[in-house]
């Protein structure tokens, strides 16, 4: 395990570092859908529950492999359901209105991403949405963006055409898409894409 993995494995370090970018990410999720009232929500790779405040009054379940993340999430967000498990090895249930996958998939190879998208589509209800947020590969001359990419724990940054291919292979339809940039301590960080997906009918 690398030094950055050891640091980020600690829930307080994870929450501190995530807090730098959470505001922009949460705002972006809210742009994909403004009203989550009363919905059944699954948050894959939920970390310490950073996105949970978007979903008051929802039937919310967050899953993360790090038990210490989940312990902190459960303490800080009582009334929400948090599960410590490998998302590839646990049953999620079904009938979800929203499945949120926030900055998780750039940690996974294409075959794993495909499995998660297919499993997500099967777990949605007929009118549900999968909400994805992911960083995009920066341009060759965007040195600050590339530095952030190399500092990230994820090894599978993708271009927009890469995402479009994976989405089409999972037989999903892009309902809404927009782009934004994160700034980290005043410096340009990531180019991100936010995508709302539906099942094809």
Protein backbone atom coordinates (compact mmCIF):
# COMPACT_ATOMS: atom_id res chain seq x y z
CA UNK A 1 0.00 0.00 0.00
CA UNK A 2 1.35 3.44 -0.94
CA UNK A 3 1.78 6.32 1.48
CA UNK A 4 -1.17 8.19 -0.02
CA UNK A 5 -3.34 5.07 0.38
CA UNK A 6 -2.29 4.76 4.02
CA UNK A 7 -3.15 8.41 4.65
CA UNK A 8 -6.49 8.28 2.86
CA UNK A 9 -7.46 5.03 4.60
CA UNK A 10 -7.91 7.08 7.79
CA UNK A 11 -11.46 8.48 7.85
CA UNK A 12 -10.54 11.88 9.29
CA UNK A 13 -7.83 12.40 6.67
CA UNK A 14 -10.28 11.35 3.97
CA UNK A 15 -12.94 13.74 5.23
CA UNK A 16 -10.47 16.63 5.58
CA UNK A 17 -9.13 16.24 2.04
CA UNK A 18 -12.59 15.61 0.59
CA UNK A 19 -13.96 18.74 2.24
CA UNK A 20 -11.82 20.82 -0.12
CA UNK A 21 -13.85 19.63 -3.13
CA UNK A 22 -17.15 18.43 -1.65
CA UNK A 23 -19.00 21.72 -2.06
CA UNK A 24 -18.53 21.77 -5.84
CA UNK A 25 -19.32 18.08 -6.18
CA UNK A 26 -22.52 18.31 -4.14
CA UNK A 27 -23.60 21.37 -6.10
CA UNK A 28 -23.04 19.39 -9.31
CA UNK A 29 -25.14 16.47 -8.08
CA UNK A 30 -27.93 18.93 -7.28
CA UNK A 31 -27.77 20.23 -10.85
CA UNK A 32 -28.45 16.73 -12.16
CA UNK A 33 -31.59 16.59 -10.02
CA UNK A 34 -32.85 19.19 -7.59
CA UNK A 35 -35.48 17.27 -5.64
CA UNK A 36 -34.65 13.91 -4.04
CA UNK A 37 -37.55 13.94 -1.56
CA UNK A 38 -38.83 10.52 -0.57
CA UNK A 39 -36.64 8.61 -3.01
CA UNK A 40 -34.88 5.29 -2.55
CA UNK A 41 -31.17 6.06 -2.93
CA UNK A 42 -28.04 3.90 -3.19
CA UNK A 43 -24.67 5.64 -2.77
CA UNK A 44 -21.85 3.41 -4.06
CA UNK A 45 -18.40 4.12 -2.62
CA UNK A 46 -19.99 6.54 -0.15
CA UNK A 47 -16.79 7.18 1.84
CA UNK A 48 -17.59 8.88 5.13
CA UNK A 49 -21.07 9.83 3.96
CA UNK A 50 -20.03 13.12 2.38
CA UNK A 51 -23.01 13.14 -0.02
CA UNK A 52 -25.60 11.96 2.51
CA UNK A 53 -26.79 15.50 3.43
CA UNK A 54 -28.25 15.86 -0.08
CA UNK A 55 -30.79 13.14 0.72
CA UNK A 56 -32.80 14.12 3.82
CA UNK A 57 -35.96 12.08 4.21
CA UNK A 58 -34.82 9.52 1.65
CA UNK A 59 -34.55 5.76 2.02
CA UNK A 60 -30.76 6.04 1.75
CA UNK A 61 -28.11 3.29 1.78
CA UNK A 62 -24.40 4.03 1.46
CA UNK A 63 -21.87 1.26 0.78
CA UNK A 64 -18.10 1.50 1.16
CA UNK A 65 -15.38 -1.10 1.61
CA UNK A 66 -13.63 0.85 4.40
CA UNK A 67 -15.16 -0.09 7.77
CA UNK A 68 -13.72 3.00 9.48
CA UNK A 69 -15.31 5.27 6.86
CA UNK A 70 -18.65 3.60 7.50
CA UNK A 71 -18.32 3.85 11.28
CA UNK A 72 -17.73 7.60 10.99
CA UNK A 73 -20.56 8.02 8.48
CA UNK A 74 -23.01 6.21 10.78
CA UNK A 75 -22.04 8.39 13.74
CA UNK A 76 -22.33 11.64 11.83
CA UNK A 77 -25.49 10.78 9.88
CA UNK A 78 -27.88 8.93 12.18
CA UNK A 79 -31.01 7.72 10.46
CA UNK A 80 -29.14 6.79 7.30
CA UNK A 81 -28.18 3.22 6.47
CA UNK A 82 -24.47 2.53 5.93
CA UNK A 83 -22.93 -0.81 5.01
CA UNK A 84 -19.24 -1.79 5.08
CA UNK A 85 -18.78 -4.14 2.12
CA UNK A 86 -17.13 -4.65 -1.25
CA UNK A 87 -19.73 -3.38 -3.73
CA UNK A 88 -18.79 -6.20 -6.11
CA UNK A 89 -19.55 -8.88 -3.51
CA UNK A 90 -22.65 -7.68 -1.71
CA UNK A 91 -26.28 -7.68 -2.79
CA UNK A 92 -27.57 -4.13 -3.20
CA UNK A 93 -31.27 -4.78 -3.40
CA UNK A 94 -33.36 -3.21 -6.15
CA UNK A 95 -36.08 -0.69 -6.94
CA UNK A 96 -33.77 2.32 -6.50
CA UNK A 97 -34.81 5.74 -7.76
CA UNK A 98 -31.24 7.03 -7.63
CA UNK A 99 -27.89 5.26 -7.69
CA UNK A 100 -25.06 7.71 -7.02
CA UNK A 101 -21.52 6.81 -8.10
CA UNK A 102 -19.43 9.80 -7.07
CA UNK A 103 -15.74 9.71 -8.10
CA UNK A 104 -15.44 5.96 -7.65
CA UNK A 105 -15.09 4.55 -11.15
CA UNK A 106 -11.68 6.07 -11.96
CA UNK A 107 -10.33 3.64 -9.37
CA UNK A 108 -11.58 0.66 -11.41
CA UNK A 109 -10.63 -1.02 -14.69
CA UNK A 110 -13.05 -1.02 -17.64
CA UNK A 111 -14.35 -4.54 -16.99
CA UNK A 112 -15.17 -3.64 -13.37
CA UNK A 113 -16.87 -0.40 -14.43
CA UNK A 114 -18.96 -2.33 -16.96
CA UNK A 115 -20.05 -4.81 -14.27
CA UNK A 116 -21.07 -2.00 -11.93
CA UNK A 117 -23.03 -0.14 -14.62
CA UNK A 118 -24.87 -3.32 -15.62
CA UNK A 119 -25.61 -4.17 -11.99
CA UNK A 120 -26.75 -0.58 -11.37
CA UNK A 121 -29.13 -0.70 -14.34
CA UNK A 122 -30.64 -3.93 -13.00
CA UNK A 123 -31.08 -2.39 -9.53
CA UNK A 124 -32.94 0.72 -10.78
CA UNK A 125 -36.69 1.00 -10.89
CA UNK A 126 -38.27 1.70 -14.29
CA UNK A 127 -37.84 5.49 -14.09
CA UNK A 128 -34.67 5.61 -11.96
CA UNK A 129 -31.38 7.35 -12.68
CA UNK A 130 -27.72 6.55 -12.22
CA UNK A 131 -25.75 9.69 -11.35
CA UNK A 132 -22.05 9.57 -12.14
CA UNK A 133 -19.33 12.11 -11.38
CA UNK A 134 -15.82 11.46 -12.70
CA UNK A 135 -12.64 13.40 -13.50
CA UNK A 136 -11.58 13.59 -17.13
CA UNK A 137 -8.08 13.22 -18.56
CA UNK A 138 -6.57 16.73 -18.73
CA UNK A 139 -4.83 18.23 -21.75
CA UNK A 140 -1.11 17.72 -22.31
CA UNK A 141 -0.26 21.31 -21.30
CA UNK A 142 -2.49 21.42 -18.22
CA UNK A 143 0.34 20.70 -15.82
CA UNK A 144 -1.58 21.57 -12.66
CA UNK A 145 -4.45 19.27 -13.63
CA UNK A 146 -1.97 16.51 -14.46
CA UNK A 147 -0.24 16.92 -11.11
CA UNK A 148 -3.59 16.47 -9.36
CA UNK A 149 -4.24 13.39 -11.48
CA UNK A 150 -0.93 11.83 -10.44
CA UNK A 151 -1.59 12.60 -6.78
CA UNK A 152 -5.00 10.90 -6.98
CA UNK A 153 -5.35 7.28 -5.87
CA UNK A 154 -7.26 6.43 -9.04
CA UNK A 155 -5.35 4.88 -11.93
CA UNK A 156 -8.09 4.89 -14.56
CA UNK A 157 -8.79 8.45 -15.64
CA UNK A 158 -10.84 8.45 -18.84
CA UNK A 159 -11.81 10.76 -21.67
CA UNK A 160 -15.41 11.62 -22.52
CA UNK A 161 -15.38 9.18 -25.51
CA UNK A 162 -14.25 6.45 -23.08
CA UNK A 163 -17.26 7.17 -20.86
CA UNK A 164 -19.66 7.27 -23.78
CA UNK A 165 -18.41 3.85 -24.91
CA UNK A 166 -18.82 2.28 -21.45
CA UNK A 167 -22.28 3.80 -21.08
CA UNK A 168 -23.42 2.51 -24.47
CA UNK A 169 -22.01 -0.96 -23.77
CA UNK A 170 -24.13 -1.08 -20.60
CA UNK A 171 -27.21 -0.21 -22.73
CA UNK A 172 -27.77 3.01 -20.80
CA UNK A 173 -28.99 6.36 -22.11
CA UNK A 174 -27.51 9.76 -21.19
CA UNK A 175 -30.36 11.92 -19.93
CA UNK A 176 -28.26 14.90 -18.85
CA UNK A 177 -24.58 15.83 -18.94
CA UNK A 178 -22.54 18.84 -17.96
CA UNK A 179 -18.96 19.75 -17.18
CA UNK A 180 -17.29 21.73 -14.44
CA UNK A 181 -13.86 22.29 -12.92
CA UNK A 182 -12.70 21.95 -9.35
CA UNK A 183 -10.32 24.37 -7.74
CA UNK A 184 -8.16 23.05 -4.90
CA UNK A 185 -6.79 25.73 -2.57
CA UNK A 186 -7.12 28.24 -5.37
CA UNK A 187 -5.38 26.06 -7.96
CA UNK A 188 -7.01 24.43 -10.94
CA UNK A 189 -7.76 20.83 -10.02
CA UNK A 190 -9.85 18.47 -12.10
CA UNK A 191 -12.11 18.73 -15.10
CA UNK A 192 -15.17 16.73 -14.08
CA UNK A 193 -18.13 15.36 -15.93
CA UNK A 194 -21.53 14.81 -14.31
CA UNK A 195 -23.84 12.41 -16.09
CA UNK A 196 -27.42 11.34 -15.39
CA UNK A 197 -28.19 7.95 -16.95
CA UNK A 198 -31.42 6.10 -17.65
CA UNK A 199 -32.18 2.59 -18.77
CA UNK A 200 -33.13 2.27 -22.41
CA UNK A 201 -36.82 1.48 -22.90
